[in-house]
Amino acid sequence: MASRSLSPDGKHVAVLFRRDCEATTGFSRANLGIGRQRRPFRFREQIFIADDDHGAARIGSWDGSWAETKWLSADHLLIRYAAKSRLFKQNARVSDVSVVYLVRGS
């Protein structure tokens, strides 16, 4: 797990984690899921999946495609991710949480 952050009201948790993939993708992907704090985290709630596009995008300290999260409020999550990342999934909403994205770098 690269990071775990609790929403300001404590109802949701955002988990950013690395997953090693098959040979057709980069070494690892940045995966982000949101779950209810009371339930165990469930992978089917993934909202963001990206990789470094075979070295084109910045790599994070955890050897996956760089990304970070920040709760803007109890129901708004900001996801920043590296420019040139290859995106596989980018949902704008999950449950009662709205998600906004910001590309970092050139």
Foldseek 3Di string as FASTA:
>chain_A
DPDWDAFPVRQKIKDWDWDQDDPVAPRIKTWIAMDTNVDPTDRVRTAWIWFQRHPVWDADPVRTFDKDWDHPHNAEIEIEGEPNIGTDGHDQDDDRHGYDYDYDDD
